[in-house]
Structures are given as C-alpha cells and as structure tokens.
Amino acid sequence: MTYLDKTSLAKTIDNVSEALLFGFDIDEREKLEIADFIIKQHGAPYSYANTFAPTDEDMKRDLILFTGELSQGQANAILWAKKQAVFCEN
C-alpha cells in the first residue's frame, strides 16, 4: 500500500495513522517521502499559527478526524494543528 497522498495531508496522516494502529510496516523510503511532504506543509498557506497546513484539496472538504468526528468552520485550523502535532510525535 502507498501511504503518501501528495494531494492531501489529511489522507496521508489518516493512512499513516491506520498503519500505526494496525501495525502495518511502512518502508523506509516512503517514511522519508512522507516526512518530506509533511515538512513542506509547515507554514504553508492555510496553516494555523505557522504550523502544518492542509493542502488545497484538503481545504475543499470538511476535516474528518481519524476517529470519524467531523469538524467544520473555525475549529478546523486548531484541529489541523493538533492532528499534525500528534502525528509528528509518533
């Protein structure tokens, strides 16, 4: 499986979260590609407080957290920042 979705930070994070939850292996090359993709989102347009920004494609949709909760409106920016921070800790 390919975990990196270069059009969507949300999908990439969800794919990696699923792999971590179920103990799937991500090869080292793809881990580096994912890390590079996430780093490039730091401070990009749509970021909250200069954190990791959703992509243009992500902005076209409501944010749905890995646990299934739907986030709309102003709360999205804060949830985006928290979602990326939690992922980066892993």
PDB file of N, CA and C in Angstrom:
ATOM      1  N   MET A   1       0.848  -1.189   0.000  1.00  0.00           N
ATOM      2  CA  MET A   1       0.000   0.000   0.000  1.00  0.00           C
ATOM      3  C   MET A   1       0.880   1.234   0.000  1.00  0.00           C
ATOM      4  N   THR A   2       0.430   2.254  -0.696  1.00  0.00           N
ATOM      5  CA  THR A   2       1.101   3.542  -0.678  1.00  0.00           C
ATOM      6  C   THR A   2       0.388   4.415   0.341  1.00  0.00           C
ATOM      7  N   TYR A   3       1.130   4.920   1.306  1.00  0.00           N
ATOM      8  CA  TYR A   3       0.542   5.716   2.382  1.00  0.00           C
ATOM      9  C   TYR A   3       0.549   7.201   2.067  1.00  0.00           C
ATOM     10  N   LEU A   4       1.481   7.629   1.229  1.00  0.00           N
ATOM     11  CA  LEU A   4       1.610   9.039   0.881  1.00  0.00           C
ATOM     12  C   LEU A   4       0.595   9.419  -0.187  1.00  0.00           C
ATOM     13  N   ASP A   5      -0.186  10.452   0.086  1.00  0.00           N
ATOM     14  CA  ASP A   5      -1.092  11.037  -0.901  1.00  0.00           C
ATOM     15  C   ASP A   5      -0.664  12.487  -1.058  1.00  0.00           C
ATOM     16  N   LYS A   6       0.050  12.789  -2.137  1.00  0.00           N
ATOM     17  CA  LYS A   6       0.630  14.117  -2.317  1.00  0.00           C
ATOM     18  C   LYS A   6      -0.411  15.211  -2.527  1.00  0.00           C
ATOM     19  N   THR A   7      -1.671  14.842  -2.725  1.00  0.00           N
ATOM     20  CA  THR A   7      -2.715  15.848  -2.880  1.00  0.00           C
ATOM     21  C   THR A   7      -3.397  16.188  -1.563  1.00  0.00           C
ATOM     22  N   SER A   8      -3.144  15.381  -0.520  1.00  0.00           N
ATOM     23  CA  SER A   8      -3.891  15.568   0.724  1.00  0.00           C
ATOM     24  C   SER A   8      -3.056  15.217   1.950  1.00  0.00           C
ATOM     25  N   LEU A   9      -2.830  16.220   2.774  1.00  0.00           N
ATOM     26  CA  LEU A   9      -2.162  15.975   4.048  1.00  0.00           C
ATOM     27  C   LEU A   9      -3.074  15.137   4.949  1.00  0.00           C
ATOM     28  N   ALA A  10      -4.356  15.414   4.923  1.00  0.00           N
ATOM     29  CA  ALA A  10      -5.307  14.668   5.753  1.00  0.00           C
ATOM     30  C   ALA A  10      -5.305  13.185   5.410  1.00  0.00           C
ATOM     31  N   LYS A  11      -5.352  12.852   4.125  1.00  0.00           N
ATOM     32  CA  LYS A  11      -5.369  11.446   3.720  1.00  0.00           C
ATOM     33  C   LYS A  11      -4.048  10.775   4.081  1.00  0.00           C
ATOM     34  N   THR A  12      -2.947  11.491   3.888  1.00  0.00           N
ATOM     35  CA  THR A  12      -1.644  10.929   4.243  1.00  0.00           C
ATOM     36  C   THR A  12      -1.588  10.616   5.730  1.00  0.00           C
ATOM     37  N   ILE A  13      -2.000  11.568   6.554  1.00  0.00           N
ATOM     38  CA  ILE A  13      -1.977  11.366   8.005  1.00  0.00           C
ATOM     39  C   ILE A  13      -2.911  10.218   8.399  1.00  0.00           C
ATOM     40  N   ASP A  14      -4.083  10.145   7.787  1.00  0.00           N
ATOM     41  CA  ASP A  14      -5.006   9.049   8.099  1.00  0.00           C
ATOM     42  C   ASP A  14      -4.426   7.699   7.672  1.00  0.00           C
ATOM     43  N   ASN A  15      -3.791   7.659   6.508  1.00  0.00           N
ATOM     44  CA  ASN A  15      -3.181   6.406   6.037  1.00  0.00           C
ATOM     45  C   ASN A  15      -2.095   5.935   7.002  1.00  0.00           C
ATOM     46  N   VAL A  16      -1.254   6.854   7.441  1.00  0.00           N
ATOM     47  CA  VAL A  16      -0.177   6.500   8.362  1.00  0.00           C
ATOM     48  C   VAL A  16      -0.760   6.137   9.736  1.00  0.00           C
ATOM     49  N   SER A  17      -1.773   6.850  10.164  1.00  0.00           N
ATOM     50  CA  SER A  17      -2.422   6.528  11.441  1.00  0.00           C
ATOM     51  C   SER A  17      -2.985   5.117  11.415  1.00  0.00           C
ATOM     52  N   GLU A  18      -3.591   4.737  10.298  1.00  0.00           N
ATOM     53  CA  GLU A  18      -4.120   3.380  10.157  1.00  0.00           C
ATOM     54  C   GLU A  18      -2.987   2.353  10.235  1.00  0.00           C
ATOM     55  N   ALA A  19      -1.880   2.640   9.559  1.00  0.00           N
ATOM     56  CA  ALA A  19      -0.728   1.720   9.600  1.00  0.00           C
ATOM     57  C   ALA A  19      -0.200   1.569  11.021  1.00  0.00           C
ATOM     58  N   LEU A  20      -0.106   2.677  11.742  1.00  0.00           N
ATOM     59  CA  LEU A  20       0.376   2.623  13.125  1.00  0.00           C
ATOM     60  C   LEU A  20      -0.599   1.847  14.012  1.00  0.00           C
ATOM     61  N   LEU A  21      -1.877   2.083  13.830  1.00  0.00           N
ATOM     62  CA  LEU A  21      -2.892   1.421  14.651  1.00  0.00           C
ATOM     63  C   LEU A  21      -2.883  -0.093  14.461  1.00  0.00           C
ATOM     64  N   PHE A  22      -2.749  -0.519  13.207  1.00  0.00           N
ATOM     65  CA  PHE A  22      -2.845  -1.942  12.908  1.00  0.00           C
ATOM     66  C   PHE A  22      -1.482  -2.637  12.770  1.00  0.00           C
ATOM     67  N   GLY A  23      -0.409  -1.890  13.020  1.00  0.00           N
ATOM     68  CA  GLY A  23       0.923  -2.484  12.997  1.00  0.00           C
ATOM     69  C   GLY A  23       1.459  -2.808  11.612  1.00  0.00           C
ATOM     70  N   PHE A  24       0.986  -2.097  10.577  1.00  0.00           N
ATOM     71  CA  PHE A  24       1.495  -2.313   9.225  1.00  0.00           C
ATOM     72  C   PHE A  24       2.853  -1.646   9.076  1.00  0.00           C
ATOM     73  N   ASP A  25       3.716  -2.253   8.299  1.00  0.00           N
ATOM     74  CA  ASP A  25       5.042  -1.687   8.049  1.00  0.00           C
ATOM     75  C   ASP A  25       4.988  -0.670   6.918  1.00  0.00           C
ATOM     76  N   ILE A  26       5.726   0.414   7.104  1.00  0.00           N
ATOM     77  CA  ILE A  26       5.922   1.408   6.049  1.00  0.00           C
ATOM     78  C   ILE A  26       7.411   1.381   5.738  1.00  0.00           C
ATOM     79  N   ASP A  27       7.750   1.172   4.464  1.00  0.00           N
ATOM     80  CA  ASP A  27       9.178   1.047   4.159  1.00  0.00           C
ATOM     81  C   ASP A  27       9.894   2.386   4.380  1.00  0.00           C
ATOM     82  N   GLU A  28      11.178   2.286   4.617  1.00  0.00           N
ATOM     83  CA  GLU A  28      11.987   3.460   4.990  1.00  0.00           C
ATOM     84  C   GLU A  28      11.940   4.560   3.943  1.00  0.00           C
ATOM     85  N   ARG A  29      11.966   4.190   2.658  1.00  0.00           N
ATOM     86  CA  ARG A  29      11.928   5.193   1.591  1.00  0.00           C
ATOM     87  C   ARG A  29      10.633   6.001   1.667  1.00  0.00           C
ATOM     88  N   GLU A  30       9.510   5.307   1.857  1.00  0.00           N
ATOM     89  CA  GLU A  30       8.233   6.015   1.932  1.00  0.00           C
ATOM     90  C   GLU A  30       8.134   6.845   3.208  1.00  0.00           C
ATOM     91  N   LYS A  31       8.678   6.362   4.312  1.00  0.00           N
ATOM     92  CA  LYS A  31       8.697   7.163   5.541  1.00  0.00           C
ATOM     93  C   LYS A  31       9.383   8.503   5.288  1.00  0.00           C
ATOM     94  N   LEU A  32      10.511   8.473   4.564  1.00  0.00           N
ATOM     95  CA  LEU A  32      11.234   9.715   4.264  1.00  0.00           C
ATOM     96  C   LEU A  32      10.425  10.617   3.343  1.00  0.00           C
ATOM     97  N   GLU A  33       9.747  10.030   2.365  1.00  0.00           N
ATOM     98  CA  GLU A  33       8.893  10.813   1.462  1.00  0.00           C
ATOM     99  C   GLU A  33       7.731  11.454   2.226  1.00  0.00           C
ATOM    100  N   ILE A  34       7.144  10.711   3.138  1.00  0.00           N
ATOM    101  CA  ILE A  34       6.038  11.233   3.955  1.00  0.00           C
ATOM    102  C   ILE A  34       6.540  12.373   4.834  1.00  0.00           C
ATOM    103  N   ALA A  35       7.679  12.163   5.482  1.00  0.00           N
ATOM    104  CA  ALA A  35       8.243  13.209   6.343  1.00  0.00           C
ATOM    105  C   ALA A  35       8.543  14.466   5.535  1.00  0.00           C
ATOM    106  N   ASP A  36       9.101  14.302   4.342  1.00  0.00           N
ATOM    107  CA  ASP A  36       9.407  15.446   3.487  1.00  0.00           C
ATOM    108  C   ASP A  36       8.134  16.196   3.097  1.00  0.00           C
ATOM    109  N   PHE A  37       7.095  15.447   2.744  1.00  0.00           N
ATOM    110  CA  PHE A  37       5.805  16.046   2.381  1.00  0.00           C
ATOM    111  C   PHE A  37       5.231  16.858   3.543  1.00  0.00           C
ATOM    112  N   ILE A  38       5.262  16.283   4.738  1.00  0.00           N
ATOM    113  CA  ILE A  38       4.722  16.974   5.912  1.00  0.00           C
ATOM    114  C   ILE A  38       5.544  18.221   6.225  1.00  0.00           C
ATOM    115  N   ILE A  39       6.860  18.107   6.167  1.00  0.00           N
ATOM    116  CA  ILE A  39       7.728  19.258   6.444  1.00  0.00           C
ATOM    117  C   ILE A  39       7.435  20.406   5.481  1.00  0.00           C
ATOM    118  N   LYS A  40       7.187  20.088   4.236  1.00  0.00           N
ATOM    119  CA  LYS A  40       6.899  21.128   3.236  1.00  0.00           C
ATOM    120  C   LYS A  40       5.578  21.845   3.509  1.00  0.00           C
ATOM    121  N   GLN A  41       4.712  21.243   4.301  1.00  0.00           N
ATOM    122  CA  GLN A  41       3.440  21.886   4.650  1.00  0.00           C
ATOM    123  C   GLN A  41       3.590  22.865   5.822  1.00  0.00           C
ATOM    124  N   HIS A  42       4.737  22.858   6.474  1.00  0.00           N
ATOM    125  CA  HIS A  42       4.964  23.738   7.618  1.00  0.00           C
ATOM    126  C   HIS A  42       4.968  25.195   7.165  1.00  0.00           C
ATOM    127  N   GLY A  43       4.071  25.976   7.715  1.00  0.00           N
ATOM    128  CA  GLY A  43       3.997  27.396   7.408  1.00  0.00           C
ATOM    129  C   GLY A  43       3.421  27.726   6.045  1.00  0.00           C
ATOM    130  N   ALA A  44       2.915  26.741   5.343  1.00  0.00           N
ATOM    131  CA  ALA A  44       2.312  26.967   4.029  1.00  0.00           C
ATOM    132  C   ALA A  44       0.967  27.682   4.191  1.00  0.00           C
ATOM    133  N   PRO A  45       0.416  28.187   3.073  1.00  0.00           N
ATOM    134  CA  PRO A  45      -0.905  28.819   3.170  1.00  0.00           C
ATOM    135  C   PRO A  45      -1.916  27.890   3.847  1.00  0.00           C
ATOM    136  N   TYR A  46      -2.832  28.460   4.578  1.00  0.00           N
ATOM    137  CA  TYR A  46      -3.872  27.795   5.362  1.00  0.00           C
ATOM    138  C   TYR A  46      -3.363  27.273   6.710  1.00  0.00           C
ATOM    139  N   SER A  47      -2.097  27.496   7.034  1.00  0.00           N
ATOM    140  CA  SER A  47      -1.602  26.989   8.317  1.00  0.00           C
ATOM    141  C   SER A  47      -2.155  27.833   9.465  1.00  0.00           C
ATOM    142  N   TYR A  48      -2.258  27.221  10.613  1.00  0.00           N
ATOM    143  CA  TYR A  48      -2.697  27.897  11.826  1.00  0.00           C
ATOM    144  C   TYR A  48      -1.459  28.149  12.666  1.00  0.00           C
ATOM    145  N   ALA A  49      -1.190  29.410  12.969  1.00  0.00           N
ATOM    146  CA  ALA A  49      -0.053  29.806  13.796  1.00  0.00           C
ATOM    147  C   ALA A  49       1.260  29.222  13.261  1.00  0.00           C
ATOM    148  N   ASN A  50       1.395  29.230  11.936  1.00  0.00           N
ATOM    149  CA  ASN A  50       2.617  28.778  11.263  1.00  0.00           C
ATOM    150  C   ASN A  50       2.905  27.292  11.515  1.00  0.00           C
ATOM    151  N   THR A  51       1.857  26.494  11.683  1.00  0.00           N
ATOM    152  CA  THR A  51       2.032  25.058  11.861  1.00  0.00           C
ATOM    153  C   THR A  51       1.900  24.371  10.495  1.00  0.00           C
ATOM    154  N   PHE A  52       1.525  23.117  10.465  1.00  0.00           N
ATOM    155  CA  PHE A  52       1.415  22.365   9.224  1.00  0.00           C
ATOM    156  C   PHE A  52       0.080  22.656   8.559  1.00  0.00           C
ATOM    157  N   ALA A  53       0.135  22.989   7.276  1.00  0.00           N
ATOM    158  CA  ALA A  53      -1.055  23.443   6.560  1.00  0.00           C
ATOM    159  C   ALA A  53      -1.706  22.322   5.759  1.00  0.00           C
ATOM    160  N   PRO A  54      -3.025  22.329   5.706  1.00  0.00           N
ATOM    161  CA  PRO A  54      -3.714  21.418   4.801  1.00  0.00           C
ATOM    162  C   PRO A  54      -3.420  21.827   3.349  1.00  0.00           C
ATOM    163  N   THR A  55      -3.599  20.907   2.428  1.00  0.00           N
ATOM    164  CA  THR A  55      -3.392  21.208   1.012  1.00  0.00           C
ATOM    165  C   THR A  55      -4.636  21.900   0.440  1.00  0.00           C
ATOM    166  N   ASP A  56      -4.520  22.359  -0.792  1.00  0.00           N
ATOM    167  CA  ASP A  56      -5.678  22.953  -1.468  1.00  0.00           C
ATOM    168  C   ASP A  56      -6.835  21.954  -1.535  1.00  0.00           C
ATOM    169  N   GLU A  57      -6.511  20.694  -1.820  1.00  0.00           N
ATOM    170  CA  GLU A  57      -7.556  19.661  -1.877  1.00  0.00           C
ATOM    171  C   GLU A  57      -8.213  19.464  -0.514  1.00  0.00           C
ATOM    172  N   ASP A  58      -7.424  19.495   0.545  1.00  0.00           N
ATOM    173  CA  ASP A  58      -7.985  19.352   1.889  1.00  0.00           C
ATOM    174  C   ASP A  58      -8.953  20.488   2.207  1.00  0.00           C
ATOM    175  N   MET A  59      -8.644  21.664   1.731  1.00  0.00           N
ATOM    176  CA  MET A  59      -9.478  22.826   2.034  1.00  0.00           C
ATOM    177  C   MET A  59     -10.829  22.784   1.329  1.00  0.00           C
ATOM    178  N   LYS A  60     -10.964  21.938   0.340  1.00  0.00           N
ATOM    179  CA  LYS A  60     -12.229  21.814  -0.380  1.00  0.00           C
ATOM    180  C   LYS A  60     -13.251  20.977   0.398  1.00  0.00           C
ATOM    181  N   ARG A  61     -12.807  20.327   1.466  1.00  0.00           N
ATOM    182  CA  ARG A  61     -13.671  19.431   2.236  1.00  0.00           C
ATOM    183  C   ARG A  61     -13.642  19.790   3.721  1.00  0.00           C
ATOM    184  N   ASP A  62     -14.629  19.303   4.440  1.00  0.00           N
ATOM    185  CA  ASP A  62     -14.589  19.423   5.894  1.00  0.00           C
ATOM    186  C   ASP A  62     -13.516  18.474   6.412  1.00  0.00           C
ATOM    187  N   LEU A  63     -12.950  18.801   7.539  1.00  0.00           N
ATOM    188  CA  LEU A  63     -11.953  17.945   8.166  1.00  0.00           C
ATOM    189  C   LEU A  63     -12.660  16.839   8.937  1.00  0.00           C
ATOM    190  N   ILE A  64     -12.346  15.602   8.584  1.00  0.00           N
ATOM    191  CA  ILE A  64     -12.874  14.457   9.317  1.00  0.00           C
ATOM    192  C   ILE A  64     -11.678  13.810  10.008  1.00  0.00           C
ATOM    193  N   LEU A  65     -11.744  13.749  11.324  1.00  0.00           N
ATOM    194  CA  LEU A  65     -10.649  13.181  12.089  1.00  0.00           C
ATOM    195  C   LEU A  65     -10.574  11.677  11.888  1.00  0.00           C
ATOM    196  N   PHE A  66      -9.441  11.082  12.197  1.00  0.00           N
ATOM    197  CA  PHE A  66      -9.241   9.642  12.042  1.00  0.00           C
ATOM    198  C   PHE A  66     -10.294   8.853  12.810  1.00  0.00           C
ATOM    199  N   THR A  67     -10.755   9.400  13.903  1.00  0.00           N
ATOM    200  CA  THR A  67     -11.770   8.739  14.725  1.00  0.00           C
ATOM    201  C   THR A  67     -13.186   8.928  14.189  1.00  0.00           C
ATOM    202  N   GLY A  68     -13.323   9.709  13.101  1.00  0.00           N
ATOM    203  CA  GLY A  68     -14.607   9.874  12.444  1.00  0.00           C
ATOM    204  C   GLY A  68     -15.349  11.160  12.746  1.00  0.00           C
ATOM    205  N   GLU A  69     -14.868  11.945  13.705  1.00  0.00           N
ATOM    206  CA  GLU A  69     -15.563  13.192  14.021  1.00  0.00           C
ATOM    207  C   GLU A  69     -15.401  14.194  12.882  1.00  0.00           C
ATOM    208  N   LEU A  70     -16.472  14.914  12.621  1.00  0.00           N
ATOM    209  CA  LEU A  70     -16.488  15.945  11.596  1.00  0.00           C
ATOM    210  C   LEU A  70     -16.226  17.300  12.240  1.00  0.00           C
ATOM    211  N   SER A  71     -15.314  18.037  11.660  1.00  0.00           N
ATOM    212  CA  SER A  71     -15.018  19.381  12.153  1.00  0.00           C
ATOM    213  C   SER A  71     -15.323  20.380  11.050  1.00  0.00           C
ATOM    214  N   GLN A  72     -16.025  21.439  11.398  1.00  0.00           N
ATOM    215  CA  GLN A  72     -16.370  22.454  10.412  1.00  0.00           C
ATOM    216  C   GLN A  72     -16.007  23.828  10.940  1.00  0.00           C
ATOM    217  N   GLY A  73     -15.770  24.738  10.030  1.00  0.00           N
ATOM    218  CA  GLY A  73     -15.579  26.139  10.373  1.00  0.00           C
ATOM    219  C   GLY A  73     -14.278  26.453  11.084  1.00  0.00           C
ATOM    220  N   GLN A  74     -14.340  27.396  12.012  1.00  0.00           N
ATOM    221  CA  GLN A  74     -13.176  27.951  12.707  1.00  0.00           C
ATOM    222  C   GLN A  74     -12.351  26.899  13.427  1.00  0.00           C
ATOM    223  N   ALA A  75     -12.995  25.877  13.941  1.00  0.00           N
ATOM    224  CA  ALA A  75     -12.280  24.850  14.700  1.00  0.00           C
ATOM    225  C   ALA A  75     -11.317  24.043  13.835  1.00  0.00           C
ATOM    226  N   ASN A  76     -11.519  24.040  12.520  1.00  0.00           N
ATOM    227  CA  ASN A  76     -10.655  23.253  11.646  1.00  0.00           C
ATOM    228  C   ASN A  76      -9.183  23.594  11.809  1.00  0.00           C
ATOM    229  N   ALA A  77      -8.849  24.862  11.847  1.00  0.00           N
ATOM    230  CA  ALA A  77      -7.442  25.268  11.903  1.00  0.00           C
ATOM    231  C   ALA A  77      -6.763  24.740  13.163  1.00  0.00           C
ATOM    232  N   ILE A  78      -7.446  24.839  14.275  1.00  0.00           N
ATOM    233  CA  ILE A  78      -6.870  24.361  15.530  1.00  0.00           C
ATOM    234  C   ILE A  78      -6.746  22.840  15.510  1.00  0.00           C
ATOM    235  N   LEU A  79      -7.775  22.151  15.010  1.00  0.00           N
ATOM    236  CA  LEU A  79      -7.718  20.696  14.936  1.00  0.00           C
ATOM    237  C   LEU A  79      -6.629  20.225  13.980  1.00  0.00           C
ATOM    238  N   TRP A  80      -6.442  20.948  12.878  1.00  0.00           N
ATOM    239  CA  TRP A  80      -5.355  20.610  11.947  1.00  0.00           C
ATOM    240  C   TRP A  80      -4.021  20.653  12.676  1.00  0.00           C
ATOM    241  N   ALA A  81      -3.796  21.719  13.402  1.00  0.00           N
ATOM    242  CA  ALA A  81      -2.519  21.867  14.111  1.00  0.00           C
ATOM    243  C   ALA A  81      -2.324  20.734  15.108  1.00  0.00           C
ATOM    244  N   LYS A  82      -3.370  20.410  15.854  1.00  0.00           N
ATOM    245  CA  LYS A  82      -3.270  19.333  16.839  1.00  0.00           C
ATOM    246  C   LYS A  82      -3.078  17.977  16.184  1.00  0.00           C
ATOM    247  N   LYS A  83      -3.788  17.740  15.099  1.00  0.00           N
ATOM    248  CA  LYS A  83      -3.687  16.473  14.397  1.00  0.00           C
ATOM    249  C   LYS A  83      -2.259  16.239  13.901  1.00  0.00           C
ATOM    250  N   GLN A  84      -1.644  17.254  13.348  1.00  0.00           N
ATOM    251  CA  GLN A  84      -0.271  17.119  12.844  1.00  0.00           C
ATOM    252  C   GLN A  84       0.711  16.951  13.985  1.00  0.00           C
ATOM    253  N   ALA A  85       0.484  17.645  15.080  1.00  0.00           N
ATOM    254  CA  ALA A  85       1.394  17.548  16.222  1.00  0.00           C
ATOM    255  C   ALA A  85       1.377  16.129  16.796  1.00  0.00           C
ATOM    256  N   VAL A  86       0.206  15.545  16.918  1.00  0.00           N
ATOM    257  CA  VAL A  86       0.094  14.184  17.436  1.00  0.00           C
ATOM    258  C   VAL A  86       0.808  13.215  16.501  1.00  0.00           C
ATOM    259  N   PHE A  87       0.609  13.386  15.207  1.00  0.00           N
ATOM    260  CA  PHE A  87       1.260  12.500  14.243  1.00  0.00           C
ATOM    261  C   PHE A  87       2.784  12.623  14.341  1.00  0.00           C
ATOM    262  N   CYS A  88       3.279  13.811  14.419  1.00  0.00           N
ATOM    263  CA  CYS A  88       4.730  14.027  14.428  1.00  0.00           C
ATOM    264  C   CYS A  88       5.386  13.438  15.668  1.00  0.00           C
ATOM    265  N   GLU A  89       4.644  13.302  16.760  1.00  0.00           N
ATOM    266  CA  GLU A  89       5.183  12.683  17.964  1.00  0.00           C
ATOM    267  C   GLU A  89       5.462  11.202  17.744  1.00  0.00           C
ATOM    268  N   ASN A  90       4.742  10.593  16.807  1.00  0.00           N
ATOM    269  CA  ASN A  90       4.917   9.163  16.534  1.00  0.00           C
ATOM    270  C   ASN A  90       5.998   8.976  15.509  1.00  0.00           C
TER     271      ASN A  90
END
